[in-house]
Amino acid sequence: MKRATRQRLWLIGGALVLAAVAGWQWRRDHDAAPGTLLQLAPEAITEVALAVGNGPEEHYARRDGHWWRIDGTPARADDGRLGELADTAAAAVLSWRPLSDFVPAKIGLAPPLAVLSLDGQRIEFGETSVTGPQRYVRVGDRVALISIRYMPRQATNEALKAR
């Protein structure tokens, strides 16, 4: 075997080893990623319940592609606002930790600042983290850190008048 052929084989072998290591690392990173808050697609959500602070719980349902407030007499709701609430299901989680790692009252989860239920799956919102613009969120027996942009808000008077 000629020297040039041997060098090419070593070069090809090295490239294959590097590609295999890169693929292994990519797969490992993908498996370790924290994922999203819920395993629900936002566009598939049909029921939303929201309680912010000590305010009354608001109930909504999606019918024929639009959101309706179903407390009392059904009335059209702000589709944009409810779309934002449904998008919370797909919020990127920065990290997950067991609830036992925290004192719920110290992170605003006893009682929670807001409670959002998406198709029956309860999400409790706590305080903002000291490490950045993130909020503590309880889902079941785990606590996630997510972007503060997902903190639910009550309907504004302008939104209520627009209906």
N, C-alpha and C. Protein backbone atom coordinates (compact mmCIF):
# COMPACT_ATOMS: atom_id res chain seq x y z
N MET A 1 0.85 -1.16 0.00
CA MET A 1 0.00 0.00 0.00
C MET A 1 0.90 1.24 0.00
N LYS A 2 0.54 2.15 -0.83
CA LYS A 2 1.34 3.36 -0.94
C LYS A 2 1.11 4.26 0.26
N ARG A 3 2.09 5.09 0.52
CA ARG A 3 2.05 5.99 1.65
C ARG A 3 0.87 6.97 1.54
N ALA A 4 0.59 7.52 0.38
CA ALA A 4 -0.50 8.46 0.18
C ALA A 4 -1.86 7.79 0.45
N THR A 5 -2.02 6.55 0.04
CA THR A 5 -3.26 5.82 0.27
C THR A 5 -3.46 5.58 1.77
N ARG A 6 -2.39 5.20 2.45
CA ARG A 6 -2.44 4.96 3.90
C ARG A 6 -2.84 6.25 4.64
N GLN A 7 -2.30 7.37 4.24
CA GLN A 7 -2.62 8.65 4.87
C GLN A 7 -4.09 9.02 4.65
N ARG A 8 -4.59 8.77 3.46
CA ARG A 8 -6.00 9.06 3.18
C ARG A 8 -6.92 8.19 4.03
N LEU A 9 -6.57 6.93 4.19
CA LEU A 9 -7.37 6.03 5.02
C LEU A 9 -7.38 6.49 6.47
N TRP A 10 -6.23 6.92 6.99
CA TRP A 10 -6.17 7.44 8.35
C TRP A 10 -7.01 8.71 8.48
N LEU A 11 -6.95 9.57 7.49
CA LEU A 11 -7.72 10.81 7.49
C LEU A 11 -9.22 10.52 7.45
N ILE A 12 -9.63 9.61 6.61
CA ILE A 12 -11.04 9.22 6.52
C ILE A 12 -11.50 8.57 7.83
N GLY A 13 -10.67 7.70 8.38
CA GLY A 13 -11.00 7.06 9.67
C GLY A 13 -11.14 8.09 10.78
N GLY A 14 -10.23 9.06 10.82
CA GLY A 14 -10.30 10.12 11.84
C GLY A 14 -11.57 10.95 11.68
N ALA A 15 -11.93 11.25 10.44
CA ALA A 15 -13.15 12.03 10.18
C ALA A 15 -14.39 11.24 10.62
N LEU A 16 -14.41 9.95 10.37
CA LEU A 16 -15.54 9.11 10.80
C LEU A 16 -15.65 9.05 12.32
N VAL A 17 -14.51 8.95 13.01
CA VAL A 17 -14.52 8.93 14.48
C VAL A 17 -15.04 10.26 15.01
N LEU A 18 -14.58 11.38 14.44
CA LEU A 18 -15.06 12.69 14.86
C LEU A 18 -16.57 12.85 14.61
N ALA A 19 -17.05 12.38 13.48
CA ALA A 19 -18.48 12.45 13.18
C ALA A 19 -19.28 11.61 14.18
N ALA A 20 -18.78 10.42 14.52
CA ALA A 20 -19.46 9.56 15.49
C ALA A 20 -19.50 10.20 16.87
N VAL A 21 -18.41 10.80 17.30
CA VAL A 21 -18.37 11.47 18.60
C VAL A 21 -19.32 12.67 18.61
N ALA A 22 -19.34 13.44 17.53
CA ALA A 22 -20.25 14.59 17.45
C ALA A 22 -21.70 14.14 17.49
N GLY A 23 -22.05 13.08 16.80
CA GLY A 23 -23.41 12.54 16.82
C GLY A 23 -23.80 12.05 18.21
N TRP A 24 -22.87 11.38 18.88
CA TRP A 24 -23.14 10.90 20.23
C TRP A 24 -23.38 12.08 21.17
N GLN A 25 -22.55 13.13 21.06
CA GLN A 25 -22.70 14.31 21.92
C GLN A 25 -24.02 15.02 21.64
N TRP A 26 -24.40 15.16 20.37
CA TRP A 26 -25.66 15.80 20.02
C TRP A 26 -26.83 15.04 20.62
N ARG A 27 -26.81 13.72 20.50
CA ARG A 27 -27.89 12.90 21.04
C ARG A 27 -27.95 13.00 22.56
N ARG A 28 -26.81 13.01 23.21
CA ARG A 28 -26.76 13.13 24.67
C ARG A 28 -27.32 14.49 25.11
N ASP A 29 -26.94 15.57 24.44
CA ASP A 29 -27.46 16.90 24.75
C ASP A 29 -28.97 16.96 24.54
N HIS A 30 -29.43 16.35 23.47
CA HIS A 30 -30.87 16.34 23.17
C HIS A 30 -31.64 15.59 24.26
N ASP A 31 -31.12 14.46 24.70
CA ASP A 31 -31.80 13.68 25.74
C ASP A 31 -31.79 14.39 27.09
N ALA A 32 -30.78 15.20 27.36
CA ALA A 32 -30.67 15.90 28.64
C ALA A 32 -31.43 17.22 28.66
N ALA A 33 -31.92 17.68 27.52
CA ALA A 33 -32.63 18.96 27.46
C ALA A 33 -33.90 18.89 28.30
N PRO A 34 -34.22 19.96 29.04
CA PRO A 34 -35.39 19.92 29.92
C PRO A 34 -36.73 19.91 29.21
N GLY A 35 -36.79 20.34 27.96
CA GLY A 35 -38.03 20.26 27.19
C GLY A 35 -38.98 21.42 27.45
N THR A 36 -40.27 21.13 27.36
CA THR A 36 -41.31 22.14 27.53
C THR A 36 -42.08 21.91 28.82
N LEU A 37 -42.88 22.89 29.20
CA LEU A 37 -43.60 22.84 30.46
C LEU A 37 -44.61 21.69 30.50
N LEU A 38 -45.40 21.54 29.46
CA LEU A 38 -46.37 20.44 29.37
C LEU A 38 -46.18 19.71 28.05
N GLN A 39 -46.69 18.51 27.99
CA GLN A 39 -46.63 17.72 26.76
C GLN A 39 -47.89 17.92 25.93
N LEU A 40 -48.36 19.17 25.87
CA LEU A 40 -49.55 19.51 25.10
C LEU A 40 -49.16 20.47 23.99
N ALA A 41 -49.77 20.31 22.84
CA ALA A 41 -49.59 21.27 21.75
C ALA A 41 -50.55 22.43 22.00
N PRO A 42 -50.07 23.68 22.01
CA PRO A 42 -50.94 24.82 22.30
C PRO A 42 -52.18 24.88 21.41
N GLU A 43 -52.05 24.53 20.15
CA GLU A 43 -53.21 24.60 19.24
C GLU A 43 -54.25 23.51 19.53
N ALA A 44 -53.89 22.50 20.30
CA ALA A 44 -54.83 21.43 20.63
C ALA A 44 -55.58 21.69 21.94
N ILE A 45 -55.21 22.71 22.68
CA ILE A 45 -55.85 23.01 23.97
C ILE A 45 -57.25 23.58 23.72
N THR A 46 -58.23 23.05 24.46
CA THR A 46 -59.62 23.48 24.27
C THR A 46 -60.23 24.09 25.53
N GLU A 47 -59.61 23.92 26.69
CA GLU A 47 -60.14 24.47 27.93
C GLU A 47 -59.04 25.16 28.72
N VAL A 48 -59.35 26.36 29.21
CA VAL A 48 -58.41 27.15 30.00
C VAL A 48 -59.14 27.67 31.23
N ALA A 49 -58.50 27.53 32.38
CA ALA A 49 -59.00 28.14 33.62
C ALA A 49 -57.85 28.94 34.20
N LEU A 50 -58.15 30.16 34.68
CA LEU A 50 -57.11 31.04 35.19
C LEU A 50 -57.59 31.74 36.45
N ALA A 51 -56.75 31.70 37.48
CA ALA A 51 -56.98 32.46 38.70
C ALA A 51 -55.70 33.23 38.99
N VAL A 52 -55.79 34.55 39.06
CA VAL A 52 -54.63 35.40 39.36
C VAL A 52 -54.85 36.03 40.72
N GLY A 53 -53.90 35.80 41.62
CA GLY A 53 -54.02 36.34 42.97
C GLY A 53 -55.26 35.82 43.67
N ASN A 54 -55.97 36.73 44.31
CA ASN A 54 -57.21 36.36 45.02
C ASN A 54 -58.43 36.58 44.15
N GLY A 55 -58.22 36.89 42.88
CA GLY A 55 -59.34 37.15 41.97
C GLY A 55 -60.12 35.89 41.66
N PRO A 56 -61.30 36.05 41.09
CA PRO A 56 -62.13 34.88 40.74
C PRO A 56 -61.49 34.09 39.59
N GLU A 57 -61.77 32.82 39.58
CA GLU A 57 -61.26 31.97 38.51
C GLU A 57 -62.06 32.23 37.23
N GLU A 58 -61.35 32.40 36.13
CA GLU A 58 -61.98 32.60 34.83
C GLU A 58 -61.91 31.29 34.06
N HIS A 59 -63.00 30.94 33.36
CA HIS A 59 -63.06 29.70 32.59
C HIS A 59 -63.32 30.03 31.12
N TYR A 60 -62.57 29.37 30.24
CA TYR A 60 -62.68 29.60 28.80
C TYR A 60 -62.72 28.27 28.07
N ALA A 61 -63.36 28.28 26.90
CA ALA A 61 -63.39 27.09 26.04
C ALA A 61 -63.23 27.55 24.60
N ARG A 62 -62.55 26.73 23.81
CA ARG A 62 -62.38 27.03 22.39
C ARG A 62 -63.51 26.33 21.63
N ARG A 63 -64.22 27.15 20.84
CA ARG A 63 -65.31 26.61 20.01
C ARG A 63 -65.19 27.21 18.62
N ASP A 64 -65.18 26.39 17.62
CA ASP A 64 -65.10 26.82 16.22
C ASP A 64 -63.93 27.76 15.98
N GLY A 65 -62.79 27.47 16.61
CA GLY A 65 -61.57 28.25 16.39
C GLY A 65 -61.47 29.54 17.17
N HIS A 66 -62.45 29.84 18.01
CA HIS A 66 -62.42 31.07 18.81
C HIS A 66 -62.59 30.72 20.29
N TRP A 67 -62.08 31.59 21.13
CA TRP A 67 -62.19 31.41 22.58
C TRP A 67 -63.43 32.11 23.11
N TRP A 68 -64.10 31.43 24.04
CA TRP A 68 -65.30 31.95 24.67
C TRP A 68 -65.15 31.86 26.18
N ARG A 69 -65.57 32.92 26.87
CA ARG A 69 -65.62 32.87 28.33
C ARG A 69 -66.90 32.14 28.69
N ILE A 70 -66.80 31.11 29.52
CA ILE A 70 -67.96 30.27 29.80
C ILE A 70 -68.45 30.41 31.23
N ASP A 71 -67.96 31.43 31.95
CA ASP A 71 -68.52 31.74 33.27
C ASP A 71 -69.82 32.50 33.06
N GLY A 72 -70.91 31.93 33.47
CA GLY A 72 -72.20 32.60 33.26
C GLY A 72 -72.62 32.51 31.81
N THR A 73 -73.05 33.64 31.24
CA THR A 73 -73.48 33.68 29.85
C THR A 73 -72.25 33.63 28.95
N PRO A 74 -72.16 32.67 28.01
CA PRO A 74 -70.98 32.60 27.14
C PRO A 74 -70.79 33.90 26.35
N ALA A 75 -69.54 34.35 26.28
CA ALA A 75 -69.19 35.57 25.55
C ALA A 75 -67.83 35.36 24.91
N ARG A 76 -67.63 35.99 23.74
CA ARG A 76 -66.35 35.89 23.05
C ARG A 76 -65.24 36.45 23.93
N ALA A 77 -64.10 35.81 23.90
CA ALA A 77 -62.92 36.26 24.66
C ALA A 77 -61.86 36.73 23.68
N ASP A 78 -60.85 37.37 24.20
CA ASP A 78 -59.74 37.87 23.40
C ASP A 78 -58.90 36.67 22.93
N ASP A 79 -59.00 36.34 21.64
CA ASP A 79 -58.28 35.18 21.09
C ASP A 79 -56.77 35.31 21.27
N GLY A 80 -56.24 36.52 21.13
CA GLY A 80 -54.80 36.72 21.30
C GLY A 80 -54.34 36.42 22.71
N ARG A 81 -55.07 36.92 23.69
CA ARG A 81 -54.72 36.67 25.09
C ARG A 81 -54.81 35.19 25.43
N LEU A 82 -55.88 34.54 24.99
CA LEU A 82 -56.03 33.12 25.27
C LEU A 82 -55.01 32.29 24.52
N GLY A 83 -54.62 32.74 23.32
CA GLY A 83 -53.54 32.07 22.59
C GLY A 83 -52.24 32.13 23.36
N GLU A 84 -51.97 33.28 23.99
CA GLU A 84 -50.77 33.42 24.82
C GLU A 84 -50.82 32.47 26.00
N LEU A 85 -51.99 32.35 26.63
CA LEU A 85 -52.12 31.42 27.76
C LEU A 85 -51.90 29.98 27.30
N ALA A 86 -52.45 29.62 26.16
CA ALA A 86 -52.26 28.26 25.64
C ALA A 86 -50.80 28.01 25.27
N ASP A 87 -50.11 29.05 24.80
CA ASP A 87 -48.69 28.91 24.45
C ASP A 87 -47.83 28.57 25.65
N THR A 88 -48.33 28.80 26.85
CA THR A 88 -47.59 28.47 28.06
C THR A 88 -47.27 26.98 28.12
N ALA A 89 -48.11 26.15 27.54
CA ALA A 89 -47.85 24.71 27.53
C ALA A 89 -46.52 24.39 26.85
N ALA A 90 -46.16 25.17 25.84
CA ALA A 90 -44.93 24.92 25.08
C ALA A 90 -43.77 25.79 25.55
N ALA A 91 -43.90 26.41 26.72
CA ALA A 91 -42.82 27.25 27.25
C ALA A 91 -41.56 26.41 27.44
N ALA A 92 -40.44 26.94 26.97
CA ALA A 92 -39.16 26.24 27.12
C ALA A 92 -38.74 26.28 28.59
N VAL A 93 -38.45 25.12 29.14
CA VAL A 93 -38.02 25.02 30.53
C VAL A 93 -36.51 25.16 30.58
N LEU A 94 -36.04 26.03 31.46
CA LEU A 94 -34.61 26.22 31.62
C LEU A 94 -34.02 25.12 32.50
N SER A 95 -34.78 24.70 33.52
CA SER A 95 -34.34 23.59 34.37
C SER A 95 -35.53 23.07 35.18
N TRP A 96 -35.46 21.80 35.53
CA TRP A 96 -36.46 21.15 36.39
C TRP A 96 -35.77 20.75 37.69
N ARG A 97 -36.48 20.86 38.79
CA ARG A 97 -36.00 20.35 40.08
C ARG A 97 -37.19 19.81 40.85
N PRO A 98 -36.96 18.86 41.74
CA PRO A 98 -38.07 18.35 42.54
C PRO A 98 -38.58 19.42 43.51
N LEU A 99 -39.87 19.39 43.79
CA LEU A 99 -40.48 20.35 44.71
C LEU A 99 -39.82 20.26 46.09
N SER A 100 -39.35 19.08 46.46
CA SER A 100 -38.73 18.90 47.77
C SER A 100 -37.44 19.71 47.94
N ASP A 101 -36.87 20.23 46.85
CA ASP A 101 -35.67 21.07 46.94
C ASP A 101 -35.99 22.49 47.41
N PHE A 102 -37.27 22.84 47.52
CA PHE A 102 -37.68 24.21 47.82
C PHE A 102 -38.59 24.26 49.04
N VAL A 103 -38.67 25.44 49.62
CA VAL A 103 -39.71 25.78 50.58
C VAL A 103 -40.72 26.56 49.76
N PRO A 104 -41.89 25.96 49.44
CA PRO A 104 -42.83 26.61 48.53
C PRO A 104 -43.17 28.06 48.86
N ALA A 105 -43.29 28.40 50.14
CA ALA A 105 -43.63 29.78 50.52
C ALA A 105 -42.53 30.75 50.12
N LYS A 106 -41.29 30.31 50.13
CA LYS A 106 -40.16 31.20 49.81
C LYS A 106 -40.05 31.52 48.33
N ILE A 107 -40.65 30.69 47.48
CA ILE A 107 -40.59 30.95 46.04
C ILE A 107 -41.97 31.33 45.49
N GLY A 108 -42.86 31.70 46.38
CA GLY A 108 -44.16 32.20 45.97
C GLY A 108 -45.16 31.16 45.55
N LEU A 109 -44.98 29.92 45.97
CA LEU A 109 -45.91 28.86 45.58
C LEU A 109 -46.86 28.44 46.69
N ALA A 110 -46.82 29.12 47.84
CA ALA A 110 -47.74 28.79 48.93
C ALA A 110 -48.26 30.08 49.53
N PRO A 111 -49.32 30.65 49.04
CA PRO A 111 -50.10 30.24 47.87
C PRO A 111 -49.46 30.75 46.59
N PRO A 112 -49.80 30.14 45.45
CA PRO A 112 -49.24 30.61 44.18
C PRO A 112 -49.79 31.98 43.78
N LEU A 113 -48.99 32.73 43.01
CA LEU A 113 -49.42 34.04 42.53
C LEU A 113 -50.51 33.91 41.47
N ALA A 114 -50.46 32.84 40.70
CA ALA A 114 -51.46 32.57 39.66
C ALA A 114 -51.52 31.07 39.44
N VAL A 115 -52.70 30.61 39.05
CA VAL A 115 -52.89 29.19 38.72
C VAL A 115 -53.55 29.14 37.35
N LEU A 116 -52.91 28.41 36.44
CA LEU A 116 -53.40 28.24 35.07
C LEU A 116 -53.63 26.76 34.84
N SER A 117 -54.83 26.41 34.39
CA SER A 117 -55.12 25.01 34.04
C SER A 117 -55.38 24.95 32.54
N LEU A 118 -54.62 24.11 31.87
CA LEU A 118 -54.77 23.91 30.43
C LEU A 118 -55.23 22.47 30.20
N ASP A 119 -56.44 22.32 29.74
CA ASP A 119 -57.05 20.99 29.56
C ASP A 119 -56.88 20.13 30.81
N GLY A 120 -57.07 20.76 31.98
CA GLY A 120 -57.03 20.04 33.25
C GLY A 120 -55.66 19.89 33.87
N GLN A 121 -54.61 20.30 33.19
CA GLN A 121 -53.26 20.21 33.75
C GLN A 121 -52.92 21.52 34.45
N ARG A 122 -52.69 21.45 35.74
CA ARG A 122 -52.51 22.62 36.60
C ARG A 122 -51.06 23.12 36.59
N ILE A 123 -50.90 24.44 36.42
CA ILE A 123 -49.61 25.10 36.46
C ILE A 123 -49.71 26.21 37.49
N GLU A 124 -48.83 26.19 38.50
CA GLU A 124 -48.84 27.21 39.55
C GLU A 124 -47.63 28.11 39.37
N PHE A 125 -47.85 29.42 39.36
CA PHE A 125 -46.79 30.40 39.14
C PHE A 125 -46.37 31.01 40.47
N GLY A 126 -45.04 31.07 40.67
CA GLY A 126 -44.49 31.66 41.88
C GLY A 126 -43.74 32.94 41.58
N GLU A 127 -42.78 33.23 42.43
CA GLU A 127 -41.99 34.46 42.35
C GLU A 127 -40.99 34.42 41.19
N THR A 128 -40.44 35.59 40.92
CA THR A 128 -39.36 35.71 39.94
C THR A 128 -38.07 35.25 40.59
N SER A 129 -37.25 34.55 39.84
CA SER A 129 -35.97 34.05 40.33
C SER A 129 -34.98 35.19 40.48
N VAL A 130 -34.08 35.07 41.44
CA VAL A 130 -33.05 36.08 41.62
C VAL A 130 -31.93 35.96 40.59
N THR A 131 -31.91 34.88 39.86
CA THR A 131 -30.83 34.64 38.89
C THR A 131 -31.09 35.23 37.52
N GLY A 132 -32.24 35.80 37.30
CA GLY A 132 -32.51 36.38 35.99
C GLY A 132 -34.00 36.54 35.76
N PRO A 133 -34.39 36.90 34.55
CA PRO A 133 -35.82 37.10 34.26
C PRO A 133 -36.53 35.77 34.06
N GLN A 134 -36.63 35.03 35.15
CA GLN A 134 -37.25 33.71 35.12
C GLN A 134 -38.23 33.60 36.27
N ARG A 135 -39.19 32.72 36.14
CA ARG A 135 -40.20 32.55 37.17
C ARG A 135 -40.27 31.09 37.57
N TYR A 136 -40.48 30.86 38.89
CA TYR A 136 -40.68 29.50 39.40
C TYR A 136 -42.10 29.06 39.04
N VAL A 137 -42.22 27.85 38.52
CA VAL A 137 -43.51 27.31 38.11
C VAL A 137 -43.59 25.86 38.58
N ARG A 138 -44.67 25.55 39.27
CA ARG A 138 -44.88 24.18 39.76
C ARG A 138 -45.81 23.44 38.82
N VAL A 139 -45.37 22.25 38.41
CA VAL A 139 -46.19 21.34 37.62
C VAL A 139 -46.08 19.99 38.32
N GLY A 140 -47.15 19.57 38.97
CA GLY A 140 -47.11 18.31 39.71
C GLY A 140 -46.16 18.43 40.89
N ASP A 141 -45.21 17.49 40.98
CA ASP A 141 -44.25 17.50 42.08
C ASP A 141 -42.88 18.01 41.65
N ARG A 142 -42.86 18.79 40.54
CA ARG A 142 -41.61 19.38 40.07
C ARG A 142 -41.76 20.89 39.92
N VAL A 143 -40.63 21.58 40.01
CA VAL A 143 -40.59 23.03 39.84
C VAL A 143 -39.69 23.34 38.66
N ALA A 144 -40.19 24.16 37.77
CA ALA A 144 -39.43 24.56 36.58
C ALA A 144 -39.10 26.04 36.68
N LEU A 145 -38.05 26.42 35.97
CA LEU A 145 -37.76 27.83 35.74
C LEU A 145 -38.08 28.11 34.28
N ILE A 146 -38.96 29.11 34.05
CA ILE A 146 -39.31 29.49 32.68
C ILE A 146 -39.19 31.00 32.56
N SER A 147 -39.25 31.49 31.35
CA SER A 147 -39.19 32.93 31.10
C SER A 147 -40.37 33.63 31.76
N ILE A 148 -40.13 34.85 32.26
CA ILE A 148 -41.19 35.60 32.93
C ILE A 148 -42.30 36.02 31.96
N ARG A 149 -42.03 35.95 30.67
CA ARG A 149 -43.05 36.39 29.70
C ARG A 149 -44.30 35.50 29.72
N TYR A 150 -44.20 34.32 30.33
CA TYR A 150 -45.34 33.41 30.38
C TYR A 150 -46.24 33.63 31.60
N MET A 151 -45.91 34.59 32.45
CA MET A 151 -46.75 34.86 33.63
C MET A 151 -48.12 35.33 33.15
N PRO A 152 -49.19 34.62 33.54
CA PRO A 152 -50.53 35.02 33.08
C PRO A 152 -50.98 36.34 33.73
N ARG A 153 -51.86 37.01 33.03
CA ARG A 153 -52.41 38.26 33.53
C ARG A 153 -53.94 38.18 33.42
N GLN A 154 -54.60 38.99 34.24
CA GLN A 154 -56.05 39.04 34.17
C GLN A 154 -56.47 39.84 32.95
N ALA A 155 -57.71 39.64 32.54
CA ALA A 155 -58.25 40.40 31.40
C ALA A 155 -58.32 41.87 31.77
N THR A 156 -57.96 42.73 30.83
CA THR A 156 -58.04 44.17 31.07
C THR A 156 -59.47 44.65 30.79
N ASN A 157 -59.80 45.82 31.28
CA ASN A 157 -61.13 46.38 31.03
C ASN A 157 -61.36 46.61 29.54
N GLU A 158 -60.29 47.01 28.81
CA GLU A 158 -60.43 47.22 27.36
C GLU A 158 -60.79 45.92 26.65
N ALA A 159 -60.18 44.83 27.07
CA ALA A 159 -60.49 43.54 26.46
C ALA A 159 -61.92 43.12 26.78
N LEU A 160 -62.36 43.43 27.99
CA LEU A 160 -63.73 43.07 28.35
C LEU A 160 -64.74 43.89 27.57
N LYS A 161 -64.43 45.20 27.32
CA LYS A 161 -65.34 46.06 26.57
C LYS A 161 -65.39 45.66 25.09
N ALA A 162 -64.29 45.11 24.55
CA ALA A 162 -64.22 44.78 23.13
C ALA A 162 -65.17 43.65 22.77
N ARG A 163 -65.58 42.89 23.71
CA ARG A 163 -66.49 41.78 23.44
C ARG A 163 -67.81 42.35 23.20
